[in-house]
Amino acid sequence: MTVRIYSKKNTPAGDIYIVIEKGILSALYMGKEDFLEGEEVLPLQFDPSDPLIKKCSIQLGEYFDGQRKKFDIPIEPHGTEFQKAVWKELCLIPYGETRSYQDIAVKIGKEKAVRAIGQANKANRLPIIIPCHRVIGKNKSLTGYAGTRTEIKEVLLSLEGANYIK
C-alpha cells in the first residue's frame, strides 16, 4: 500500500491540510472538517519534514504574503474529463481576476453546463493551486466555496485584490 503523508499549514483562510501521495500533491483541504471527511478511510502519516510538504507549505505562505501568484508544485488532478476541462480553464484565470460560472461554461464549449461547472469546482481537491475561488456569480457576487463557505472565497479574493460584491 502506498504511504500517503500530510501536514497542516496555518493561514489567514484557516488551517490548510496538505496531502502528498507518490511525490505529487494529492489534496489541499480547507479546514479540519474537510480533511477528516476527505481522508477518513485512507491511511496517512504525519510528516511535516517531507520535501514536497515543505515546498508546498512555503509556496502557500508566499501566496498568503502576497509574494506568489503561481504555484510550482507537481499535481495530477483526478476527475472526469469534464472536471479536468473545467480545472484546466480555472488555471488560466490570472491572479486577481475572476470569471463567472457562465464564462467557464462558454470557454469549455458547454454553455448550458453552468451548474455542472459549480459541481466541478466543488470536486476540486486542489483549491488555491487550481483557483476555483476565482469563479464567482455572473453579477460579481460571491457564491459557494467548498460547497457553502464563501468566507474562504472572500479571504482569497481580497488577498488577490479581485473585484467582487459581498
C-alpha atoms as a PDB file:
ATOM      1  CA  MET A   1       0.000   0.000   0.000  1.00  0.00           C
ATOM      2  CA  THR A   2       1.190   3.498  -0.866  1.00  0.00           C
ATOM      3  CA  VAL A   3       2.100   5.702   2.061  1.00  0.00           C
ATOM      4  CA  ARG A   4       0.297   8.999   1.956  1.00  0.00           C
ATOM      5  CA  ILE A   5       1.708  11.812   4.041  1.00  0.00           C
ATOM      6  CA  TYR A   6       0.251  15.043   5.301  1.00  0.00           C
ATOM      7  CA  SER A   7       0.899  18.179   7.251  1.00  0.00           C
ATOM      8  CA  LYS A   8      -1.028  21.261   8.294  1.00  0.00           C
ATOM      9  CA  LYS A   9      -0.380  24.921   7.447  1.00  0.00           C
ATOM     10  CA  ASN A  10      -1.996  27.761   9.378  1.00  0.00           C
ATOM     11  CA  THR A  11      -3.111  30.546   7.016  1.00  0.00           C
ATOM     12  CA  PRO A  12      -5.379  33.615   7.047  1.00  0.00           C
ATOM     13  CA  ALA A  13      -8.019  31.365   5.441  1.00  0.00           C
ATOM     14  CA  GLY A  14      -7.723  28.856   8.297  1.00  0.00           C
ATOM     15  CA  ASP A  15      -5.785  25.619   8.578  1.00  0.00           C
ATOM     16  CA  ILE A  16      -4.926  24.005   5.267  1.00  0.00           C
ATOM     17  CA  TYR A  17      -4.137  20.303   5.279  1.00  0.00           C
ATOM     18  CA  ILE A  18      -1.582  19.265   2.652  1.00  0.00           C
ATOM     19  CA  VAL A  19      -1.677  15.646   1.424  1.00  0.00           C
ATOM     20  CA  ILE A  20       1.092  14.096  -0.694  1.00  0.00           C
ATOM     21  CA  GLU A  21       0.950  10.748  -2.476  1.00  0.00           C
ATOM     22  CA  LYS A  22       3.662   9.246  -4.720  1.00  0.00           C
ATOM     23  CA  GLY A  23       5.590  12.521  -4.821  1.00  0.00           C
ATOM     24  CA  ILE A  24       2.605  14.530  -6.045  1.00  0.00           C
ATOM     25  CA  LEU A  25       0.297  16.938  -4.233  1.00  0.00           C
ATOM     26  CA  SER A  26      -2.851  14.856  -3.841  1.00  0.00           C
ATOM     27  CA  ALA A  27      -5.136  17.255  -1.969  1.00  0.00           C
ATOM     28  CA  LEU A  28      -5.418  20.516  -0.063  1.00  0.00           C
ATOM     29  CA  TYR A  29      -8.192  20.658   2.489  1.00  0.00           C
ATOM     30  CA  MET A  30      -9.592  23.917   3.782  1.00  0.00           C
ATOM     31  CA  GLY A  31     -10.056  23.099   7.460  1.00  0.00           C
ATOM     32  CA  LYS A  32     -10.045  20.052   9.684  1.00  0.00           C
ATOM     33  CA  GLU A  33     -13.635  19.079   8.907  1.00  0.00           C
ATOM     34  CA  ASP A  34     -12.934  18.798   5.171  1.00  0.00           C
ATOM     35  CA  PHE A  35      -9.688  16.941   5.880  1.00  0.00           C
ATOM     36  CA  LEU A  36     -11.365  14.365   8.105  1.00  0.00           C
ATOM     37  CA  GLU A  37     -14.225  13.918   5.666  1.00  0.00           C
ATOM     38  CA  GLY A  38     -11.963  13.524   2.643  1.00  0.00           C
ATOM     39  CA  GLU A  39      -9.337  11.288   4.239  1.00  0.00           C
ATOM     40  CA  GLU A  40     -11.276   9.214   6.754  1.00  0.00           C
ATOM     41  CA  VAL A  41     -10.668   5.790   5.205  1.00  0.00           C
ATOM     42  CA  LEU A  42      -7.203   6.228   3.766  1.00  0.00           C
ATOM     43  CA  PRO A  43      -4.049   5.637   5.826  1.00  0.00           C
ATOM     44  CA  LEU A  44      -1.977   8.761   6.372  1.00  0.00           C
ATOM     45  CA  GLN A  45       1.294   9.512   8.069  1.00  0.00           C
ATOM     46  CA  PHE A  46       2.030  12.958   9.541  1.00  0.00           C
ATOM     47  CA  ASP A  47       5.357  14.173   8.121  1.00  0.00           C
ATOM     48  CA  PRO A  48       5.946  17.945   8.005  1.00  0.00           C
ATOM     49  CA  SER A  49       9.610  17.319   7.097  1.00  0.00           C
ATOM     50  CA  ASP A  50       8.842  15.785   3.675  1.00  0.00           C
ATOM     51  CA  PRO A  51      10.484  17.961   0.978  1.00  0.00           C
ATOM     52  CA  LEU A  52       7.308  18.341  -1.095  1.00  0.00           C
ATOM     53  CA  ILE A  53       5.234  19.135   2.008  1.00  0.00           C
ATOM     54  CA  LYS A  54       7.814  21.807   2.873  1.00  0.00           C
ATOM     55  CA  LYS A  55       7.798  23.210  -0.663  1.00  0.00           C
ATOM     56  CA  CYS A  56       4.002  23.370  -0.719  1.00  0.00           C
ATOM     57  CA  SER A  57       3.909  24.973   2.727  1.00  0.00           C
ATOM     58  CA  ILE A  58       6.474  27.600   1.686  1.00  0.00           C
ATOM     59  CA  GLN A  59       4.601  28.396  -1.526  1.00  0.00           C
ATOM     60  CA  LEU A  60       1.285  28.697   0.323  1.00  0.00           C
ATOM     61  CA  GLY A  61       2.991  31.048   2.792  1.00  0.00           C
ATOM     62  CA  GLU A  62       4.321  33.138  -0.091  1.00  0.00           C
ATOM     63  CA  TYR A  63       0.840  33.228  -1.641  1.00  0.00           C
ATOM     64  CA  PHE A  64      -0.735  34.445   1.592  1.00  0.00           C
ATOM     65  CA  ASP A  65       2.063  37.022   1.978  1.00  0.00           C
ATOM     66  CA  GLY A  66       1.183  38.361  -1.495  1.00  0.00           C
ATOM     67  CA  GLN A  67       4.521  37.264  -2.978  1.00  0.00           C
ATOM     68  CA  ARG A  68       3.373  34.298  -5.092  1.00  0.00           C
ATOM     69  CA  LYS A  69       0.857  34.362  -7.932  1.00  0.00           C
ATOM     70  CA  LYS A  70       1.539  30.940  -9.479  1.00  0.00           C
ATOM     71  CA  PHE A  71       2.462  27.624  -7.912  1.00  0.00           C
ATOM     72  CA  ASP A  72       5.247  25.279  -8.912  1.00  0.00           C
ATOM     73  CA  ILE A  73       4.034  22.060  -7.301  1.00  0.00           C
ATOM     74  CA  PRO A  74       3.582  18.716  -9.085  1.00  0.00           C
ATOM     75  CA  ILE A  75      -0.112  17.879  -9.320  1.00  0.00           C
ATOM     76  CA  GLU A  76      -2.184  15.302 -11.144  1.00  0.00           C
ATOM     77  CA  PRO A  77      -5.872  16.104 -10.662  1.00  0.00           C
ATOM     78  CA  HIS A  78      -8.149  13.074 -10.708  1.00  0.00           C
ATOM     79  CA  GLY A  79     -11.654  13.545 -12.068  1.00  0.00           C
ATOM     80  CA  THR A  80     -13.888  13.112 -15.079  1.00  0.00           C
ATOM     81  CA  GLU A  81     -12.896  14.553 -18.435  1.00  0.00           C
ATOM     82  CA  PHE A  82     -15.448  17.328 -17.870  1.00  0.00           C
ATOM     83  CA  GLN A  83     -13.972  18.169 -14.455  1.00  0.00           C
ATOM     84  CA  LYS A  84     -10.452  18.186 -15.858  1.00  0.00           C
ATOM     85  CA  ALA A  85     -11.553  20.568 -18.644  1.00  0.00           C
ATOM     86  CA  VAL A  86     -13.066  22.905 -16.042  1.00  0.00           C
ATOM     87  CA  TRP A  87      -9.980  22.745 -13.809  1.00  0.00           C
ATOM     88  CA  LYS A  88      -7.688  23.409 -16.767  1.00  0.00           C
ATOM     89  CA  GLU A  89      -9.718  26.520 -17.571  1.00  0.00           C
ATOM     90  CA  LEU A  90      -9.601  27.662 -13.934  1.00  0.00           C
ATOM     91  CA  CYS A  91      -5.803  27.540 -14.070  1.00  0.00           C
ATOM     92  CA  LEU A  92      -5.927  30.096 -16.894  1.00  0.00           C
ATOM     93  CA  ILE A  93      -7.689  32.719 -14.737  1.00  0.00           C
ATOM     94  CA  PRO A  94      -4.992  35.227 -13.792  1.00  0.00           C
ATOM     95  CA  TYR A  95      -4.244  36.091 -10.177  1.00  0.00           C
ATOM     96  CA  GLY A  96      -6.546  38.879  -9.005  1.00  0.00           C
ATOM     97  CA  GLU A  97      -9.136  38.291 -11.706  1.00  0.00           C
ATOM     98  CA  THR A  98     -12.440  36.446 -11.644  1.00  0.00           C
ATOM     99  CA  ARG A  99     -14.697  34.690 -14.114  1.00  0.00           C
ATOM    100  CA  SER A 100     -18.329  33.679 -13.836  1.00  0.00           C
ATOM    101  CA  TYR A 101     -19.551  30.102 -13.949  1.00  0.00           C
ATOM    102  CA  GLN A 102     -21.127  31.045 -17.293  1.00  0.00           C
ATOM    103  CA  ASP A 103     -17.762  32.303 -18.592  1.00  0.00           C
ATOM    104  CA  ILE A 104     -16.165  28.959 -17.777  1.00  0.00           C
ATOM    105  CA  ALA A 105     -19.031  27.019 -19.358  1.00  0.00           C
ATOM    106  CA  VAL A 106     -18.645  29.009 -22.585  1.00  0.00           C
ATOM    107  CA  LYS A 107     -14.839  28.618 -22.602  1.00  0.00           C
ATOM    108  CA  ILE A 108     -15.060  24.819 -22.429  1.00  0.00           C
ATOM    109  CA  GLY A 109     -17.846  24.678 -25.046  1.00  0.00           C
ATOM    110  CA  LYS A 110     -20.616  23.603 -22.643  1.00  0.00           C
ATOM    111  CA  GLU A 111     -22.706  26.797 -22.484  1.00  0.00           C
ATOM    112  CA  LYS A 112     -25.610  25.172 -20.639  1.00  0.00           C
ATOM    113  CA  ALA A 113     -23.455  23.422 -18.032  1.00  0.00           C
ATOM    114  CA  VAL A 114     -23.299  26.288 -15.533  1.00  0.00           C
ATOM    115  CA  ARG A 115     -24.447  24.153 -12.573  1.00  0.00           C
ATOM    116  CA  ALA A 116     -22.057  21.384 -13.572  1.00  0.00           C
ATOM    117  CA  ILE A 117     -19.230  23.940 -13.504  1.00  0.00           C
ATOM    118  CA  GLY A 118     -20.162  24.602  -9.869  1.00  0.00           C
ATOM    119  CA  GLN A 119     -20.088  20.881  -9.113  1.00  0.00           C
ATOM    120  CA  ALA A 120     -16.669  20.532 -10.775  1.00  0.00           C
ATOM    121  CA  ASN A 121     -15.419  23.403  -8.603  1.00  0.00           C
ATOM    122  CA  LYS A 122     -16.777  21.678  -5.522  1.00  0.00           C
ATOM    123  CA  ALA A 123     -14.984  18.446  -6.509  1.00  0.00           C
ATOM    124  CA  ASN A 124     -11.637  20.257  -6.871  1.00  0.00           C
ATOM    125  CA  ARG A 125      -9.258  18.651  -4.342  1.00  0.00           C
ATOM    126  CA  LEU A 126      -6.549  21.247  -5.000  1.00  0.00           C
ATOM    127  CA  PRO A 127      -8.103  24.608  -4.091  1.00  0.00           C
ATOM    128  CA  ILE A 128      -5.850  27.655  -4.376  1.00  0.00           C
ATOM    129  CA  ILE A 129      -3.488  25.664  -6.657  1.00  0.00           C
ATOM    130  CA  ILE A 130      -6.407  25.152  -9.064  1.00  0.00           C
ATOM    131  CA  PRO A 131      -8.044  28.508  -8.285  1.00  0.00           C
ATOM    132  CA  CYS A 132     -11.743  27.688  -8.039  1.00  0.00           C
ATOM    133  CA  HIS A 133     -12.086  30.687  -5.697  1.00  0.00           C
ATOM    134  CA  ARG A 134     -11.759  32.924  -8.762  1.00  0.00           C
ATOM    135  CA  VAL A 135     -15.126  31.758 -10.091  1.00  0.00           C
ATOM    136  CA  ILE A 136     -17.989  33.950  -8.903  1.00  0.00           C
ATOM    137  CA  GLY A 137     -21.571  34.723  -9.858  1.00  0.00           C
ATOM    138  CA  LYS A 138     -22.375  36.462 -13.147  1.00  0.00           C
ATOM    139  CA  ASN A 139     -23.388  39.539 -11.131  1.00  0.00           C
ATOM    140  CA  LYS A 140     -19.917  39.530  -9.433  1.00  0.00           C
ATOM    141  CA  SER A 141     -21.378  38.149  -6.188  1.00  0.00           C
ATOM    142  CA  LEU A 142     -19.630  35.534  -4.109  1.00  0.00           C
ATOM    143  CA  THR A 143     -21.114  32.101  -4.404  1.00  0.00           C
ATOM    144  CA  GLY A 144     -20.272  28.925  -2.532  1.00  0.00           C
ATOM    145  CA  TYR A 145     -16.726  27.791  -1.970  1.00  0.00           C
ATOM    146  CA  ALA A 146     -16.137  24.188  -0.937  1.00  0.00           C
ATOM    147  CA  GLY A 147     -19.923  23.961  -1.014  1.00  0.00           C
ATOM    148  CA  THR A 148     -21.102  26.932   1.018  1.00  0.00           C
ATOM    149  CA  ARG A 149     -18.079  28.580   2.600  1.00  0.00           C
ATOM    150  CA  THR A 150     -17.990  31.987   0.934  1.00  0.00           C
ATOM    151  CA  GLU A 151     -15.902  33.404   3.797  1.00  0.00           C
ATOM    152  CA  ILE A 152     -12.890  31.469   2.472  1.00  0.00           C
ATOM    153  CA  LYS A 153     -13.520  32.722  -1.053  1.00  0.00           C
ATOM    154  CA  GLU A 154     -13.747  36.260   0.328  1.00  0.00           C
ATOM    155  CA  VAL A 155     -10.365  35.947   2.112  1.00  0.00           C
ATOM    156  CA  LEU A 156      -8.664  34.607  -1.029  1.00  0.00           C
ATOM    157  CA  LEU A 157     -10.192  37.124  -3.446  1.00  0.00           C
ATOM    158  CA  SER A 158      -9.479  40.031  -1.084  1.00  0.00           C
ATOM    159  CA  LEU A 159      -5.877  38.884  -0.782  1.00  0.00           C
ATOM    160  CA  GLU A 160      -5.594  38.915  -4.565  1.00  0.00           C
ATOM    161  CA  GLY A 161      -7.321  42.307  -4.901  1.00  0.00           C
ATOM    162  CA  ALA A 162     -10.096  40.865  -7.071  1.00  0.00           C
ATOM    163  CA  ASN A 163     -13.303  42.746  -7.842  1.00  0.00           C
ATOM    164  CA  TYR A 164     -16.463  41.147  -6.403  1.00  0.00           C
ATOM    165  CA  ILE A 165     -19.635  42.003  -4.472  1.00  0.00           C
ATOM    166  CA  LYS A 166     -20.186  40.724  -0.945  1.00  0.00           C
END
